[in-house]
Amino acid sequence: NFGGCGRTLSDEHGYYEFLTVRPGAYPWPNRGNDWRPMHIHVSVYGHSFGQRLITQFYFEGDPLIALCPIANTVKERSSLERLVASLDMSMARPLDFLAYRFDIVLRG
């Protein structure tokens, strides 16, 4: 598993890009045979709030999302869907990389 971190800034319109490898699933010794789905942790800093926002996003189509004890703490399906990055072939580079879209929306 990736043990490092990266940083990116949004532009004046709030857009950002982050180039990395898609992570793999890994076992989580919580209740025997639990696995964490592919995910990336995100910390967001801004001028409108006093401390960082920490979340994670998953990848569209990962069957382990439905089995993940952490993802299952999100009770509303629409809320969980907002934590899933969607495949965006319009941003992919042929024969080089796939692209996923994950929108971060903040109020205020």
PDB file of N, CA and C in Angstrom:
ATOM      1  N   ASN A   1       0.821  -1.191   0.000  1.00  0.00           N
ATOM      2  CA  ASN A   1       0.000   0.000   0.000  1.00  0.00           C
ATOM      3  C   ASN A   1       0.862   1.250   0.000  1.00  0.00           C
ATOM      4  N   PHE A   2       0.323   2.273  -0.607  1.00  0.00           N
ATOM      5  CA  PHE A   2       1.001   3.560  -0.692  1.00  0.00           C
ATOM      6  C   PHE A   2       1.107   4.169   0.694  1.00  0.00           C
ATOM      7  N   GLY A   3       2.288   4.560   1.073  1.00  0.00           N
ATOM      8  CA  GLY A   3       2.478   5.115   2.398  1.00  0.00           C
ATOM      9  C   GLY A   3       2.835   6.578   2.400  1.00  0.00           C
ATOM     10  N   GLY A   4       2.749   7.216   1.275  1.00  0.00           N
ATOM     11  CA  GLY A   4       3.148   8.615   1.190  1.00  0.00           C
ATOM     12  C   GLY A   4       1.962   9.544   1.145  1.00  0.00           C
ATOM     13  N   CYS A   5       2.220  10.737   0.667  1.00  0.00           N
ATOM     14  CA  CYS A   5       1.142  11.709   0.542  1.00  0.00           C
ATOM     15  C   CYS A   5       1.471  12.648  -0.610  1.00  0.00           C
ATOM     16  N   GLY A   6       0.506  13.410  -1.001  1.00  0.00           N
ATOM     17  CA  GLY A   6       0.695  14.393  -2.054  1.00  0.00           C
ATOM     18  C   GLY A   6      -0.089  15.640  -1.714  1.00  0.00           C
ATOM     19  N   ARG A   7       0.099  16.637  -2.522  1.00  0.00           N
ATOM     20  CA  ARG A   7      -0.580  17.910  -2.280  1.00  0.00           C
ATOM     21  C   ARG A   7      -0.954  18.526  -3.616  1.00  0.00           C
ATOM     22  N   THR A   8      -2.107  19.152  -3.655  1.00  0.00           N
ATOM     23  CA  THR A   8      -2.530  19.893  -4.827  1.00  0.00           C
ATOM     24  C   THR A   8      -3.344  21.094  -4.361  1.00  0.00           C
ATOM     25  N   LEU A   9      -3.397  22.099  -5.175  1.00  0.00           N
ATOM     26  CA  LEU A   9      -4.192  23.291  -4.887  1.00  0.00           C
ATOM     27  C   LEU A   9      -5.273  23.416  -5.944  1.00  0.00           C
ATOM     28  N   SER A  10      -6.410  23.952  -5.565  1.00  0.00           N
ATOM     29  CA  SER A  10      -7.452  24.208  -6.550  1.00  0.00           C
ATOM     30  C   SER A  10      -7.171  25.539  -7.241  1.00  0.00           C
ATOM     31  N   ASP A  11      -7.720  25.669  -8.455  1.00  0.00           N
ATOM     32  CA  ASP A  11      -7.540  26.935  -9.171  1.00  0.00           C
ATOM     33  C   ASP A  11      -8.623  27.926  -8.741  1.00  0.00           C
ATOM     34  N   GLU A  12      -8.713  29.059  -9.421  1.00  0.00           N
ATOM     35  CA  GLU A  12      -9.669  30.100  -9.040  1.00  0.00           C
ATOM     36  C   GLU A  12     -11.127  29.663  -9.203  1.00  0.00           C
ATOM     37  N   HIS A  13     -11.352  28.563  -9.944  1.00  0.00           N
ATOM     38  CA  HIS A  13     -12.701  28.033 -10.129  1.00  0.00           C
ATOM     39  C   HIS A  13     -12.974  26.842  -9.214  1.00  0.00           C
ATOM     40  N   GLY A  14     -11.993  26.455  -8.421  1.00  0.00           N
ATOM     41  CA  GLY A  14     -12.159  25.329  -7.509  1.00  0.00           C
ATOM     42  C   GLY A  14     -11.784  23.983  -8.094  1.00  0.00           C
ATOM     43  N   TYR A  15     -11.247  23.967  -9.315  1.00  0.00           N
ATOM     44  CA  TYR A  15     -10.861  22.705  -9.943  1.00  0.00           C
ATOM     45  C   TYR A  15      -9.491  22.259  -9.448  1.00  0.00           C
ATOM     46  N   TYR A  16      -9.319  20.959  -9.360  1.00  0.00           N
ATOM     47  CA  TYR A  16      -8.027  20.411  -8.962  1.00  0.00           C
ATOM     48  C   TYR A  16      -7.764  19.124  -9.737  1.00  0.00           C
ATOM     49  N   GLU A  17      -6.510  18.732  -9.807  1.00  0.00           N
ATOM     50  CA  GLU A  17      -6.099  17.452 -10.387  1.00  0.00           C
ATOM     51  C   GLU A  17      -5.081  16.829  -9.457  1.00  0.00           C
ATOM     52  N   PHE A  18      -5.110  15.521  -9.407  1.00  0.00           N
ATOM     53  CA  PHE A  18      -4.135  14.798  -8.597  1.00  0.00           C
ATOM     54  C   PHE A  18      -3.798  13.521  -9.345  1.00  0.00           C
ATOM     55  N   LEU A  19      -2.547  13.330  -9.697  1.00  0.00           N
ATOM     56  CA  LEU A  19      -2.117  12.156 -10.449  1.00  0.00           C
ATOM     57  C   LEU A  19      -1.442  11.182  -9.495  1.00  0.00           C
ATOM     58  N   THR A  20      -1.976   9.961  -9.433  1.00  0.00           N
ATOM     59  CA  THR A  20      -1.427   8.927  -8.556  1.00  0.00           C
ATOM     60  C   THR A  20      -1.807   7.566  -9.124  1.00  0.00           C
ATOM     61  N   VAL A  21      -1.468   6.523  -8.433  1.00  0.00           N
ATOM     62  CA  VAL A  21      -1.909   5.186  -8.818  1.00  0.00           C
ATOM     63  C   VAL A  21      -3.205   4.881  -8.078  1.00  0.00           C
ATOM     64  N   ARG A  22      -4.052   4.095  -8.711  1.00  0.00           N
ATOM     65  CA  ARG A  22      -5.271   3.671  -8.024  1.00  0.00           C
ATOM     66  C   ARG A  22      -4.865   2.629  -6.988  1.00  0.00           C
ATOM     67  N   PRO A  23      -5.243   2.833  -5.748  1.00  0.00           N
ATOM     68  CA  PRO A  23      -4.813   1.906  -4.700  1.00  0.00           C
ATOM     69  C   PRO A  23      -5.538   0.570  -4.795  1.00  0.00           C
ATOM     70  N   GLY A  24      -4.982  -0.411  -4.157  1.00  0.00           N
ATOM     71  CA  GLY A  24      -5.618  -1.720  -4.088  1.00  0.00           C
ATOM     72  C   GLY A  24      -6.386  -1.891  -2.790  1.00  0.00           C
ATOM     73  N   ALA A  25      -7.196  -2.915  -2.755  1.00  0.00           N
ATOM     74  CA  ALA A  25      -7.889  -3.279  -1.517  1.00  0.00           C
ATOM     75  C   ALA A  25      -6.882  -3.916  -0.571  1.00  0.00           C
ATOM     76  N   TYR A  26      -7.193  -3.873   0.716  1.00  0.00           N
ATOM     77  CA  TYR A  26      -6.303  -4.527   1.672  1.00  0.00           C
ATOM     78  C   TYR A  26      -7.120  -5.108   2.825  1.00  0.00           C
ATOM     79  N   PRO A  27      -6.612  -6.187   3.437  1.00  0.00           N
ATOM     80  CA  PRO A  27      -7.346  -6.790   4.546  1.00  0.00           C
ATOM     81  C   PRO A  27      -7.330  -5.893   5.767  1.00  0.00           C
ATOM     82  N   TRP A  28      -8.436  -5.904   6.458  1.00  0.00           N
ATOM     83  CA  TRP A  28      -8.589  -5.108   7.669  1.00  0.00           C
ATOM     84  C   TRP A  28      -9.029  -6.061   8.770  1.00  0.00           C
ATOM     85  N   PRO A  29      -8.145  -6.374   9.687  1.00  0.00           N
ATOM     86  CA  PRO A  29      -8.444  -7.421  10.676  1.00  0.00           C
ATOM     87  C   PRO A  29      -9.419  -6.953  11.752  1.00  0.00           C
ATOM     88  N   ASN A  30     -10.606  -6.605  11.331  1.00  0.00           N
ATOM     89  CA  ASN A  30     -11.620  -6.112  12.253  1.00  0.00           C
ATOM     90  C   ASN A  30     -12.498  -7.253  12.757  1.00  0.00           C
ATOM     91  N   ARG A  31     -13.052  -8.023  11.809  1.00  0.00           N
ATOM     92  CA  ARG A  31     -13.956  -9.115  12.181  1.00  0.00           C
ATOM     93  C   ARG A  31     -13.655 -10.372  11.378  1.00  0.00           C
ATOM     94  N   GLY A  32     -12.421 -10.685  11.180  1.00  0.00           N
ATOM     95  CA  GLY A  32     -12.101 -11.929  10.485  1.00  0.00           C
ATOM     96  C   GLY A  32     -11.681 -11.728   9.053  1.00  0.00           C
ATOM     97  N   ASN A  33     -12.641 -11.507   8.149  1.00  0.00           N
ATOM     98  CA  ASN A  33     -12.308 -11.409   6.726  1.00  0.00           C
ATOM     99  C   ASN A  33     -12.825 -10.105   6.130  1.00  0.00           C
ATOM    100  N   ASP A  34     -12.658  -9.012   6.833  1.00  0.00           N
ATOM    101  CA  ASP A  34     -13.043  -7.705   6.298  1.00  0.00           C
ATOM    102  C   ASP A  34     -11.925  -7.159   5.419  1.00  0.00           C
ATOM    103  N   TRP A  35     -12.326  -6.522   4.341  1.00  0.00           N
ATOM    104  CA  TRP A  35     -11.374  -5.880   3.427  1.00  0.00           C
ATOM    105  C   TRP A  35     -11.807  -4.443   3.219  1.00  0.00           C
ATOM    106  N   ARG A  36     -10.844  -3.548   3.174  1.00  0.00           N
ATOM    107  CA  ARG A  36     -11.125  -2.162   2.811  1.00  0.00           C
ATOM    108  C   ARG A  36     -11.131  -2.073   1.292  1.00  0.00           C
ATOM    109  N   PRO A  37     -12.140  -1.422   0.717  1.00  0.00           N
ATOM    110  CA  PRO A  37     -12.145  -1.212  -0.730  1.00  0.00           C
ATOM    111  C   PRO A  37     -11.052  -0.222  -1.128  1.00  0.00           C
ATOM    112  N   MET A  38     -10.807  -0.132  -2.422  1.00  0.00           N
ATOM    113  CA  MET A  38      -9.853   0.865  -2.921  1.00  0.00           C
ATOM    114  C   MET A  38     -10.343   2.238  -2.478  1.00  0.00           C
ATOM    115  N   HIS A  39      -9.467   3.021  -1.885  1.00  0.00           N
ATOM    116  CA  HIS A  39      -9.875   4.351  -1.440  1.00  0.00           C
ATOM    117  C   HIS A  39      -8.655   5.245  -1.279  1.00  0.00           C
ATOM    118  N   ILE A  40      -8.912   6.529  -1.266  1.00  0.00           N
ATOM    119  CA  ILE A  40      -7.880   7.538  -1.035  1.00  0.00           C
ATOM    120  C   ILE A  40      -8.394   8.487   0.041  1.00  0.00           C
ATOM    121  N   HIS A  41      -7.552   8.750   1.025  1.00  0.00           N
ATOM    122  CA  HIS A  41      -7.886   9.711   2.075  1.00  0.00           C
ATOM    123  C   HIS A  41      -7.588  11.120   1.568  1.00  0.00           C
ATOM    124  N   VAL A  42      -8.449  12.054   1.926  1.00  0.00           N
ATOM    125  CA  VAL A  42      -8.324  13.436   1.476  1.00  0.00           C
ATOM    126  C   VAL A  42      -8.454  14.363   2.684  1.00  0.00           C
ATOM    127  N   SER A  43      -7.568  15.327   2.771  1.00  0.00           N
ATOM    128  CA  SER A  43      -7.688  16.407   3.753  1.00  0.00           C
ATOM    129  C   SER A  43      -7.887  17.701   2.978  1.00  0.00           C
ATOM    130  N   VAL A  44      -8.884  18.481   3.372  1.00  0.00           N
ATOM    131  CA  VAL A  44      -9.191  19.737   2.695  1.00  0.00           C
ATOM    132  C   VAL A  44      -9.021  20.874   3.697  1.00  0.00           C
ATOM    133  N   TYR A  45      -8.293  21.885   3.274  1.00  0.00           N
ATOM    134  CA  TYR A  45      -8.089  23.084   4.084  1.00  0.00           C
ATOM    135  C   TYR A  45      -8.744  24.257   3.370  1.00  0.00           C
ATOM    136  N   GLY A  46      -9.290  25.183   4.120  1.00  0.00           N
ATOM    137  CA  GLY A  46      -9.893  26.355   3.504  1.00  0.00           C
ATOM    138  C   GLY A  46      -9.943  27.520   4.463  1.00  0.00           C
ATOM    139  N   HIS A  47     -10.231  28.682   3.910  1.00  0.00           N
ATOM    140  CA  HIS A  47     -10.286  29.902   4.713  1.00  0.00           C
ATOM    141  C   HIS A  47     -11.564  29.999   5.543  1.00  0.00           C
ATOM    142  N   SER A  48     -12.605  29.269   5.162  1.00  0.00           N
ATOM    143  CA  SER A  48     -13.907  29.424   5.806  1.00  0.00           C
ATOM    144  C   SER A  48     -14.126  28.514   7.004  1.00  0.00           C
ATOM    145  N   PHE A  49     -13.169  27.640   7.301  1.00  0.00           N
ATOM    146  CA  PHE A  49     -13.341  26.764   8.451  1.00  0.00           C
ATOM    147  C   PHE A  49     -12.024  26.624   9.196  1.00  0.00           C
ATOM    148  N   GLY A  50     -12.140  26.412  10.513  1.00  0.00           N
ATOM    149  CA  GLY A  50     -10.982  26.482  11.390  1.00  0.00           C
ATOM    150  C   GLY A  50     -10.056  25.291  11.371  1.00  0.00           C
ATOM    151  N   GLN A  51     -10.554  24.131  10.991  1.00  0.00           N
ATOM    152  CA  GLN A  51      -9.685  22.962  10.950  1.00  0.00           C
ATOM    153  C   GLN A  51      -9.927  22.198   9.666  1.00  0.00           C
ATOM    154  N   ARG A  52      -9.055  21.267   9.373  1.00  0.00           N
ATOM    155  CA  ARG A  52      -9.162  20.560   8.102  1.00  0.00           C
ATOM    156  C   ARG A  52     -10.335  19.586   8.096  1.00  0.00           C
ATOM    157  N   LEU A  53     -10.869  19.364   6.920  1.00  0.00           N
ATOM    158  CA  LEU A  53     -11.895  18.362   6.682  1.00  0.00           C
ATOM    159  C   LEU A  53     -11.177  17.105   6.221  1.00  0.00           C
ATOM    160  N   ILE A  54     -11.441  15.993   6.860  1.00  0.00           N
ATOM    161  CA  ILE A  54     -10.819  14.727   6.477  1.00  0.00           C
ATOM    162  C   ILE A  54     -11.918  13.792   5.997  1.00  0.00           C
ATOM    163  N   THR A  55     -11.729  13.199   4.834  1.00  0.00           N
ATOM    164  CA  THR A  55     -12.673  12.220   4.313  1.00  0.00           C
ATOM    165  C   THR A  55     -11.902  11.217   3.473  1.00  0.00           C
ATOM    166  N   GLN A  56     -12.613  10.340   2.825  1.00  0.00           N
ATOM    167  CA  GLN A  56     -12.000   9.403   1.894  1.00  0.00           C
ATOM    168  C   GLN A  56     -12.977   9.191   0.756  1.00  0.00           C
ATOM    169  N   PHE A  57     -12.446   8.819  -0.399  1.00  0.00           N
ATOM    170  CA  PHE A  57     -13.346   8.480  -1.489  1.00  0.00           C
ATOM    171  C   PHE A  57     -12.989   7.112  -2.031  1.00  0.00           C
ATOM    172  N   TYR A  58     -14.028   6.468  -2.555  1.00  0.00           N
ATOM    173  CA  TYR A  58     -13.920   5.129  -3.115  1.00  0.00           C
ATOM    174  C   TYR A  58     -13.986   5.228  -4.635  1.00  0.00           C
ATOM    175  N   PHE A  59     -13.822   4.099  -5.315  1.00  0.00           N
ATOM    176  CA  PHE A  59     -13.815   4.078  -6.768  1.00  0.00           C
ATOM    177  C   PHE A  59     -15.027   3.320  -7.297  1.00  0.00           C
ATOM    178  N   GLU A  60     -15.674   3.923  -8.278  1.00  0.00           N
ATOM    179  CA  GLU A  60     -16.856   3.359  -8.911  1.00  0.00           C
ATOM    180  C   GLU A  60     -16.610   1.907  -9.327  1.00  0.00           C
ATOM    181  N   GLY A  61     -17.584   1.059  -9.044  1.00  0.00           N
ATOM    182  CA  GLY A  61     -17.524  -0.326  -9.485  1.00  0.00           C
ATOM    183  C   GLY A  61     -16.825  -1.279  -8.532  1.00  0.00           C
ATOM    184  N   ASP A  62     -16.279  -0.789  -7.435  1.00  0.00           N
ATOM    185  CA  ASP A  62     -15.577  -1.659  -6.488  1.00  0.00           C
ATOM    186  C   ASP A  62     -16.612  -2.433  -5.665  1.00  0.00           C
ATOM    187  N   PRO A  63     -16.679  -3.762  -5.810  1.00  0.00           N
ATOM    188  CA  PRO A  63     -17.685  -4.531  -5.074  1.00  0.00           C
ATOM    189  C   PRO A  63     -17.458  -4.553  -3.564  1.00  0.00           C
ATOM    190  N   LEU A  64     -16.265  -4.188  -3.120  1.00  0.00           N
ATOM    191  CA  LEU A  64     -15.983  -4.208  -1.685  1.00  0.00           C
ATOM    192  C   LEU A  64     -16.611  -3.036  -0.932  1.00  0.00           C
ATOM    193  N   ILE A  65     -17.063  -2.015  -1.646  1.00  0.00           N
ATOM    194  CA  ILE A  65     -17.715  -0.884  -0.968  1.00  0.00           C
ATOM    195  C   ILE A  65     -18.919  -1.380  -0.173  1.00  0.00           C
ATOM    196  N   ALA A  66     -19.714  -2.240  -0.781  1.00  0.00           N
ATOM    197  CA  ALA A  66     -20.924  -2.746  -0.125  1.00  0.00           C
ATOM    198  C   ALA A  66     -20.611  -3.609   1.088  1.00  0.00           C
ATOM    199  N   LEU A  67     -19.407  -4.143   1.168  1.00  0.00           N
ATOM    200  CA  LEU A  67     -19.024  -5.028   2.269  1.00  0.00           C
ATOM    201  C   LEU A  67     -18.189  -4.333   3.334  1.00  0.00           C
ATOM    202  N   CYS A  68     -17.816  -3.096   3.108  1.00  0.00           N
ATOM    203  CA  CYS A  68     -16.894  -2.388   3.996  1.00  0.00           C
ATOM    204  C   CYS A  68     -17.602  -1.907   5.264  1.00  0.00           C
ATOM    205  N   PRO A  69     -17.109  -2.302   6.444  1.00  0.00           N
ATOM    206  CA  PRO A  69     -17.731  -1.842   7.688  1.00  0.00           C
ATOM    207  C   PRO A  69     -17.714  -0.320   7.845  1.00  0.00           C
ATOM    208  N   ILE A  70     -16.686   0.340   7.352  1.00  0.00           N
ATOM    209  CA  ILE A  70     -16.622   1.798   7.472  1.00  0.00           C
ATOM    210  C   ILE A  70     -17.616   2.453   6.516  1.00  0.00           C
ATOM    211  N   ALA A  71     -17.640   2.021   5.259  1.00  0.00           N
ATOM    212  CA  ALA A  71     -18.598   2.576   4.300  1.00  0.00           C
ATOM    213  C   ALA A  71     -20.030   2.314   4.755  1.00  0.00           C
ATOM    214  N   ASN A  72     -20.258   1.191   5.417  1.00  0.00           N
ATOM    215  CA  ASN A  72     -21.608   0.859   5.875  1.00  0.00           C
ATOM    216  C   ASN A  72     -22.079   1.699   7.051  1.00  0.00           C
ATOM    217  N   THR A  73     -21.205   2.520   7.621  1.00  0.00           N
ATOM    218  CA  THR A  73     -21.670   3.447   8.660  1.00  0.00           C
ATOM    219  C   THR A  73     -22.427   4.625   8.044  1.00  0.00           C
ATOM    220  N   VAL A  74     -22.280   4.829   6.737  1.00  0.00           N
ATOM    221  CA  VAL A  74     -23.022   5.881   6.027  1.00  0.00           C
ATOM    222  C   VAL A  74     -24.392   5.300   5.685  1.00  0.00           C
ATOM    223  N   LYS A  75     -25.411   5.744   6.361  1.00  0.00           N
ATOM    224  CA  LYS A  75     -26.738   5.123   6.257  1.00  0.00           C
ATOM    225  C   LYS A  75     -27.521   5.540   5.016  1.00  0.00           C
ATOM    226  N   GLU A  76     -27.379   6.769   4.579  1.00  0.00           N
ATOM    227  CA  GLU A  76     -28.121   7.222   3.402  1.00  0.00           C
ATOM    228  C   GLU A  76     -27.339   6.895   2.138  1.00  0.00           C
ATOM    229  N   ARG A  77     -27.988   6.187   1.228  1.00  0.00           N
ATOM    230  CA  ARG A  77     -27.324   5.777  -0.013  1.00  0.00           C
ATOM    231  C   ARG A  77     -26.801   6.982  -0.798  1.00  0.00           C
ATOM    232  N   SER A  78     -27.570   8.058  -0.835  1.00  0.00           N
ATOM    233  CA  SER A  78     -27.140   9.245  -1.590  1.00  0.00           C
ATOM    234  C   SER A  78     -25.874   9.847  -0.986  1.00  0.00           C
ATOM    235  N   SER A  79     -25.731   9.761   0.325  1.00  0.00           N
ATOM    236  CA  SER A  79     -24.514  10.269   0.971  1.00  0.00           C
ATOM    237  C   SER A  79     -23.318   9.402   0.616  1.00  0.00           C
ATOM    238  N   LEU A  80     -23.504   8.084   0.600  1.00  0.00           N
ATOM    239  CA  LEU A  80     -22.415   7.182   0.224  1.00  0.00           C
ATOM    240  C   LEU A  80     -22.030   7.383  -1.242  1.00  0.00           C
ATOM    241  N   GLU A  81     -23.011   7.588  -2.106  1.00  0.00           N
ATOM    242  CA  GLU A  81     -22.724   7.803  -3.529  1.00  0.00           C
ATOM    243  C   GLU A  81     -21.852   9.037  -3.748  1.00  0.00           C
ATOM    244  N   ARG A  82     -21.970  10.040  -2.883  1.00  0.00           N
ATOM    245  CA  ARG A  82     -21.134  11.241  -3.003  1.00  0.00           C
ATOM    246  C   ARG A  82     -19.687  10.971  -2.616  1.00  0.00           C
ATOM    247  N   LEU A  83     -19.424   9.810  -2.010  1.00  0.00           N
ATOM    248  CA  LEU A  83     -18.058   9.426  -1.644  1.00  0.00           C
ATOM    249  C   LEU A  83     -17.421   8.492  -2.662  1.00  0.00           C
ATOM    250  N   VAL A  84     -18.070   8.303  -3.809  1.00  0.00           N
ATOM    251  CA  VAL A  84     -17.566   7.394  -4.840  1.00  0.00           C
ATOM    252  C   VAL A  84     -17.138   8.199  -6.063  1.00  0.00           C
ATOM    253  N   ALA A  85     -15.861   8.076  -6.411  1.00  0.00           N
ATOM    254  CA  ALA A  85     -15.330   8.747  -7.606  1.00  0.00           C
ATOM    255  C   ALA A  85     -15.806   7.996  -8.846  1.00  0.00           C
ATOM    256  N   SER A  86     -16.260   8.736  -9.844  1.00  0.00           N
ATOM    257  CA  SER A  86     -16.767   8.114 -11.065  1.00  0.00           C
ATOM    258  C   SER A  86     -15.698   8.111 -12.155  1.00  0.00           C
ATOM    259  N   LEU A  87     -15.700   7.033 -12.918  1.00  0.00           N
ATOM    260  CA  LEU A  87     -14.783   6.914 -14.047  1.00  0.00           C
ATOM    261  C   LEU A  87     -15.106   8.007 -15.058  1.00  0.00           C
ATOM    262  N   ASP A  88     -14.095   8.738 -15.510  1.00  0.00           N
ATOM    263  CA  ASP A  88     -14.283   9.857 -16.436  1.00  0.00           C
ATOM    264  C   ASP A  88     -13.363   9.655 -17.637  1.00  0.00           C
ATOM    265  N   MET A  89     -13.860   8.932 -18.633  1.00  0.00           N
ATOM    266  CA  MET A  89     -13.038   8.617 -19.802  1.00  0.00           C
ATOM    267  C   MET A  89     -12.692   9.859 -20.615  1.00  0.00           C
ATOM    268  N   SER A  90     -13.448  10.942 -20.461  1.00  0.00           N
ATOM    269  CA  SER A  90     -13.115  12.164 -21.198  1.00  0.00           C
ATOM    270  C   SER A  90     -11.814  12.783 -20.691  1.00  0.00           C
ATOM    271  N   MET A  91     -11.418  12.458 -19.473  1.00  0.00           N
ATOM    272  CA  MET A  91     -10.168  12.977 -18.910  1.00  0.00           C
ATOM    273  C   MET A  91      -9.033  11.953 -18.967  1.00  0.00           C
ATOM    274  N   ALA A  92      -9.347  10.720 -19.372  1.00  0.00           N
ATOM    275  CA  ALA A  92      -8.325   9.677 -19.459  1.00  0.00           C
ATOM    276  C   ALA A  92      -7.395   9.953 -20.639  1.00  0.00           C
ATOM    277  N   ARG A  93      -6.187   9.485 -20.541  1.00  0.00           N
ATOM    278  CA  ARG A  93      -5.235   9.601 -21.645  1.00  0.00           C
ATOM    279  C   ARG A  93      -5.080   8.211 -22.260  1.00  0.00           C
ATOM    280  N   PRO A  94      -5.431   8.038 -23.551  1.00  0.00           N
ATOM    281  CA  PRO A  94      -5.376   6.722 -24.180  1.00  0.00           C
ATOM    282  C   PRO A  94      -4.008   6.054 -24.012  1.00  0.00           C
ATOM    283  N   LEU A  95      -4.050   4.793 -23.645  1.00  0.00           N
ATOM    284  CA  LEU A  95      -2.865   3.949 -23.466  1.00  0.00           C
ATOM    285  C   LEU A  95      -1.931   4.450 -22.375  1.00  0.00           C
ATOM    286  N   ASP A  96      -2.403   5.370 -21.527  1.00  0.00           N
ATOM    287  CA  ASP A  96      -1.548   5.911 -20.474  1.00  0.00           C
ATOM    288  C   ASP A  96      -2.215   5.820 -19.106  1.00  0.00           C
ATOM    289  N   PHE A  97      -3.379   6.466 -18.936  1.00  0.00           N
ATOM    290  CA  PHE A  97      -4.034   6.397 -17.631  1.00  0.00           C
ATOM    291  C   PHE A  97      -5.541   6.591 -17.739  1.00  0.00           C
ATOM    292  N   LEU A  98      -6.248   6.039 -16.755  1.00  0.00           N
ATOM    293  CA  LEU A  98      -7.669   6.282 -16.574  1.00  0.00           C
ATOM    294  C   LEU A  98      -7.828   7.499 -15.676  1.00  0.00           C
ATOM    295  N   ALA A  99      -8.997   8.083 -15.688  1.00  0.00           N
ATOM    296  CA  ALA A  99      -9.249   9.242 -14.827  1.00  0.00           C
ATOM    297  C   ALA A  99     -10.554   9.027 -14.071  1.00  0.00           C
ATOM    298  N   TYR A 100     -10.570   9.492 -12.853  1.00  0.00           N
ATOM    299  CA  TYR A 100     -11.760   9.443 -12.013  1.00  0.00           C
ATOM    300  C   TYR A 100     -12.084  10.853 -11.568  1.00  0.00           C
ATOM    301  N   ARG A 101     -13.371  11.099 -11.383  1.00  0.00           N
ATOM    302  CA  ARG A 101     -13.823  12.425 -10.956  1.00  0.00           C
ATOM    303  C   ARG A 101     -14.389  12.320  -9.547  1.00  0.00           C
ATOM    304  N   PHE A 102     -13.863  13.150  -8.660  1.00  0.00           N
ATOM    305  CA  PHE A 102     -14.383  13.234  -7.294  1.00  0.00           C
ATOM    306  C   PHE A 102     -14.552  14.703  -6.962  1.00  0.00           C
ATOM    307  N   ASP A 103     -15.806  15.132  -6.876  1.00  0.00           N
ATOM    308  CA  ASP A 103     -16.105  16.528  -6.565  1.00  0.00           C
ATOM    309  C   ASP A 103     -16.157  16.715  -5.054  1.00  0.00           C
ATOM    310  N   ILE A 104     -15.491  17.740  -4.585  1.00  0.00           N
ATOM    311  CA  ILE A 104     -15.538  18.125  -3.180  1.00  0.00           C
ATOM    312  C   ILE A 104     -16.340  19.417  -3.118  1.00  0.00           C
ATOM    313  N   VAL A 105     -17.466  19.382  -2.433  1.00  0.00           N
ATOM    314  CA  VAL A 105     -18.357  20.537  -2.373  1.00  0.00           C
ATOM    315  C   VAL A 105     -18.437  21.007  -0.926  1.00  0.00           C
ATOM    316  N   LEU A 106     -18.105  22.274  -0.715  1.00  0.00           N
ATOM    317  CA  LEU A 106     -18.157  22.874   0.614  1.00  0.00           C
ATOM    318  C   LEU A 106     -19.163  24.012   0.609  1.00  0.00           C
ATOM    319  N   ARG A 107     -19.825  24.219   1.714  1.00  0.00           N
ATOM    320  CA  ARG A 107     -20.748  25.351   1.845  1.00  0.00           C
ATOM    321  C   ARG A 107     -20.002  26.551   2.398  1.00  0.00           C
ATOM    322  N   GLY A 108     -20.423  27.737   1.970  1.00  0.00           N
ATOM    323  CA  GLY A 108     -19.908  28.962   2.571  1.00  0.00           C
ATOM    324  C   GLY A 108     -18.655  29.502   2.008  1.00  0.00           C
TER     325      GLY A 108
END
